[in-house]
Protein backbone atom coordinates (compact mmCIF):
# COMPACT_ATOMS: atom_id res chain seq x y z
CA MET A 1 15.35 -24.37 55.83
CA SER A 2 14.30 -27.66 57.36
CA LYS A 3 11.88 -30.07 55.72
CA ARG A 4 9.06 -31.98 57.37
CA LEU A 5 10.13 -35.57 56.73
CA ASN A 6 7.26 -37.25 58.57
CA SER A 7 3.64 -36.97 57.50
CA LYS A 8 1.40 -34.69 59.55
CA HIS A 9 -0.72 -37.70 60.49
CA LYS A 10 2.28 -39.51 61.95
CA ILE A 11 3.07 -36.41 64.00
CA ASP A 12 -0.44 -36.53 65.45
CA ARG A 13 -0.16 -40.22 66.33
CA ARG A 14 3.36 -39.98 67.74
CA LEU A 15 2.38 -37.10 70.02
CA GLY A 16 -0.95 -38.73 70.85
CA VAL A 17 -3.03 -35.64 70.09
CA ASN A 18 -4.98 -34.15 67.18
CA LEU A 19 -2.46 -31.32 67.07
CA TRP A 20 -4.28 -29.06 64.60
CA GLY A 21 -7.82 -30.14 65.46
CA ARG A 22 -8.51 -31.32 61.94
CA PRO A 23 -11.34 -33.76 61.15
CA LYS A 24 -9.09 -36.05 59.06
CA SER A 25 -6.62 -36.75 61.84
CA PRO A 26 -6.14 -40.52 62.44
CA LEU A 27 -6.31 -39.78 66.19
CA ASN A 28 -10.06 -39.50 65.68
CA ASN A 29 -10.06 -43.27 65.02
CA ARG A 30 -6.81 -44.63 66.51
CA GLU A 31 -5.70 -43.04 69.76
CA TYR A 32 -2.30 -44.67 69.87
CA GLY A 33 1.11 -44.17 68.30
CA PRO A 34 2.22 -45.43 64.89
CA GLY A 35 4.22 -48.58 64.30
CA GLN A 36 4.39 -52.09 65.69
CA HIS A 37 4.69 -50.98 69.32
CA GLY A 38 2.38 -47.99 69.14
CA GLN A 39 -0.19 -49.42 71.53
CA ARG A 40 2.26 -49.96 74.37
CA ARG A 41 1.82 -47.33 77.05
CA LYS A 42 4.72 -46.12 79.13
CA LYS A 43 4.57 -43.74 82.07
CA PRO A 44 6.64 -40.73 80.95
CA THR A 45 9.45 -39.33 83.06
CA ASP A 46 9.60 -35.61 83.90
CA PHE A 47 12.09 -35.19 81.07
CA GLY A 48 9.82 -37.14 78.72
CA THR A 49 6.85 -34.93 79.62
CA GLN A 50 8.89 -31.77 79.06
CA LEU A 51 10.26 -33.09 75.76
CA MET A 52 6.78 -33.98 74.56
CA SER A 53 5.51 -30.50 75.44
CA LYS A 54 8.37 -28.97 73.45
CA GLN A 55 7.78 -31.26 70.46
CA LYS A 56 4.06 -30.54 70.55
CA LEU A 57 4.52 -26.75 70.55
CA LYS A 58 7.30 -26.86 67.94
CA GLY A 59 5.35 -29.26 65.75
CA TYR A 60 2.19 -27.16 65.86
CA TYR A 61 3.91 -24.29 64.07
CA GLY A 62 4.97 -26.40 61.09
CA ASN A 63 8.49 -26.67 59.81
CA ILE A 64 10.36 -24.89 62.59
CA GLY A 65 13.78 -26.44 63.04
CA GLU A 66 15.30 -27.05 66.45
CA LYS A 67 17.92 -24.30 66.06
CA GLN A 68 15.30 -21.72 65.09
CA PHE A 69 13.00 -22.79 67.90
CA ARG A 70 15.87 -22.57 70.38
CA ARG A 71 16.65 -19.03 69.17
CA LEU A 72 13.03 -18.04 69.76
CA PHE A 73 13.27 -19.44 73.28
CA GLU A 74 16.47 -17.51 73.96
CA GLU A 75 14.80 -14.31 72.72
CA ALA A 76 11.83 -15.04 75.02
CA VAL A 77 14.25 -15.36 77.96
CA ARG A 78 15.85 -12.00 77.14
CA ARG A 79 12.51 -10.18 77.17
CA LYS A 80 10.84 -8.92 80.33
CA GLY A 81 7.96 -10.91 81.76
CA ASP A 82 7.01 -14.57 81.74
CA THR A 83 9.27 -16.56 79.41
CA GLY A 84 6.53 -19.01 78.40
CA GLU A 85 4.12 -16.21 77.49
CA ASN A 86 6.91 -14.41 75.61
CA LEU A 87 7.59 -17.57 73.62
CA ILE A 88 3.95 -17.88 72.61
CA GLY A 89 3.92 -14.21 71.56
CA LEU A 90 7.00 -14.69 69.37
CA LEU A 91 5.54 -17.81 67.74
CA GLU A 92 2.25 -16.06 67.03
CA ARG A 93 4.09 -13.10 65.46
CA ARG A 94 5.73 -15.27 62.79
CA LEU A 95 4.49 -14.20 59.35
CA ASP A 96 3.36 -17.71 58.40
CA THR A 97 1.43 -18.01 61.67
CA VAL A 98 -0.32 -14.66 61.14
CA VAL A 99 -1.30 -15.67 57.60
CA TYR A 100 -2.69 -18.92 59.01
CA ARG A 101 -4.61 -17.11 61.78
CA MET A 102 -6.12 -14.79 59.15
CA LYS A 103 -7.63 -17.89 57.48
CA PHE A 104 -5.97 -17.27 54.13
CA VAL A 105 -4.81 -20.92 54.15
CA PRO A 106 -6.12 -24.16 55.69
CA THR A 107 -2.92 -25.25 57.51
CA VAL A 108 0.30 -23.85 58.98
CA PHE A 109 2.19 -25.84 56.33
CA ALA A 110 0.25 -24.12 53.53
CA ALA A 111 0.93 -20.76 55.21
CA ARG A 112 4.67 -21.32 55.07
CA GLN A 113 4.40 -22.39 51.44
CA ILE A 114 2.49 -19.35 50.18
CA VAL A 115 4.85 -17.03 52.07
CA ASN A 116 7.91 -18.79 50.61
CA HIS A 117 6.39 -18.62 47.11
CA GLY A 118 5.94 -14.85 47.32
CA HIS A 119 2.14 -14.64 47.50
CA VAL A 120 2.16 -12.40 50.62
CA LEU A 121 2.85 -8.68 50.90
CA VAL A 122 3.86 -6.85 54.08
CA ASN A 123 3.22 -3.12 53.94
CA GLY A 124 2.86 -3.39 50.18
CA LYS A 125 6.15 -5.20 49.63
CA ARG A 126 6.65 -8.88 48.78
CA LEU A 127 8.15 -10.76 51.71
CA ASN A 128 9.01 -14.47 51.51
CA ILE A 129 10.52 -14.97 54.97
CA ALA A 130 8.11 -17.13 56.99
CA SER A 131 9.93 -16.42 60.27
CA TYR A 132 9.58 -12.62 59.93
CA GLN A 133 8.31 -11.14 63.20
CA VAL A 134 5.14 -9.19 62.39
CA LYS A 135 4.72 -5.79 64.07
CA ASP A 136 1.39 -4.36 65.21
CA SER A 137 1.58 -1.68 62.48
CA ASP A 138 2.28 -4.14 59.63
CA VAL A 139 -0.41 -4.63 56.98
CA ILE A 140 -0.45 -8.22 55.70
CA GLU A 141 -2.17 -8.92 52.39
CA ILE A 142 -2.39 -11.47 49.63
CA LYS A 143 -0.81 -10.33 46.35
CA GLN A 144 -3.37 -9.25 43.74
CA LYS A 145 -2.45 -12.00 41.28
CA SER A 146 -2.71 -14.67 44.00
CA ARG A 147 -6.22 -13.87 45.23
CA GLU A 148 -7.87 -16.40 42.94
CA LEU A 149 -5.80 -19.34 44.17
CA PRO A 150 -8.23 -22.17 45.05
CA VAL A 151 -6.44 -22.94 48.34
CA ILE A 152 -6.92 -19.33 49.52
CA LEU A 153 -10.57 -19.06 48.44
CA ALA A 154 -11.39 -22.42 50.04
CA ALA A 155 -9.73 -21.44 53.33
CA ILE A 156 -11.58 -18.12 53.53
CA SER A 157 -14.95 -19.81 52.97
CA SER A 158 -14.22 -22.66 55.42
CA SER A 159 -16.09 -22.80 58.73
CA GLU A 160 -13.52 -25.16 60.28
CA ARG A 161 -12.02 -22.44 62.51
CA ASP A 162 -12.46 -18.79 63.47
CA VAL A 163 -10.15 -15.78 63.35
CA PRO A 164 -8.92 -14.97 66.90
CA ASP A 165 -9.65 -11.54 68.37
CA TYR A 166 -6.02 -10.41 68.31
CA ILE A 167 -6.18 -10.50 64.50
CA GLU A 168 -8.07 -8.05 62.29
CA VAL A 169 -8.81 -9.24 58.77
CA ASP A 170 -10.91 -8.10 55.82
CA HIS A 171 -11.34 -11.17 53.65
CA GLY A 172 -12.98 -9.09 50.92
CA ALA A 173 -9.83 -6.98 50.62
CA PHE A 174 -7.52 -9.96 51.34
CA LYS A 175 -5.67 -8.01 54.01
CA GLY A 176 -5.38 -7.67 57.76
CA LYS A 177 -3.06 -7.02 60.69
CA LEU A 178 -2.00 -8.29 64.08
CA VAL A 179 -3.72 -6.11 66.68
CA ARG A 180 -1.66 -7.17 69.68
CA SER A 181 0.61 -9.89 70.96
CA PRO A 182 -1.61 -12.64 72.39
CA ALA A 183 -1.32 -14.34 75.75
CA LEU A 184 -1.42 -18.13 75.96
CA ALA A 185 -5.11 -18.04 76.94
CA ASP A 186 -5.95 -16.07 73.77
CA VAL A 187 -4.48 -18.54 71.30
CA PRO A 188 -7.02 -21.05 69.88
CA TYR A 189 -4.93 -24.19 70.27
CA PRO A 190 -7.00 -27.36 69.66
CA VAL A 191 -4.93 -29.11 72.35
CA GLN A 192 -3.44 -27.98 75.66
CA MET A 193 -0.06 -26.31 75.28
CA GLU A 194 2.28 -26.04 78.25
CA PRO A 195 5.03 -23.51 77.50
CA ASN A 196 6.09 -23.65 81.16
CA LEU A 197 7.26 -27.23 80.55
CA VAL A 198 9.14 -26.05 77.45
CA VAL A 199 10.92 -23.50 79.65
CA GLU A 200 11.78 -26.28 82.10
CA PHE A 201 13.09 -28.46 79.26
CA TYR A 202 15.53 -25.80 78.02
CA SER A 203 16.47 -24.80 81.56
CA ARG A 204 17.68 -28.27 82.58
């Protein structure tokens, strides 16, 4: 399992976007990159634009390593239909992503942590694999003993974001499910994502 070595704020500044749409992002005050040369602006090449799109999409979903992200892309290629849309569907079906979309946690990083620590049940059984691909029939719930965790209660009561319509959740019962695989237009990204450029990057 890979570890996020850079702070989330540095990720925002390096990519030049408020990646998760959070009010504490430094991009709200300083719209330039970190470091001594952060304010220098360079016109990106086609490769640079594609790389940035890949880093932005990969970074949004937390601690996904390059090998794992590449495997998801290869699976998206194998499936019928648009590769970019398939990639988004696979990313949104990750267990940690579904837990985040259900608003049981405030961030994708917290989602991965509570899954890894065994606080999440899938169809009544403890599952601590954040990359598990959730099926439409799977019931996702917070373990009974974990329902009083302050981070979970605070996330549920937060008005910072809404639950998307491809997710069904009962916060009173601490459970929900993925209704369908979303298209790119359905996903509530705070910034523009361009999976077509990610496809171009890996197809070079």
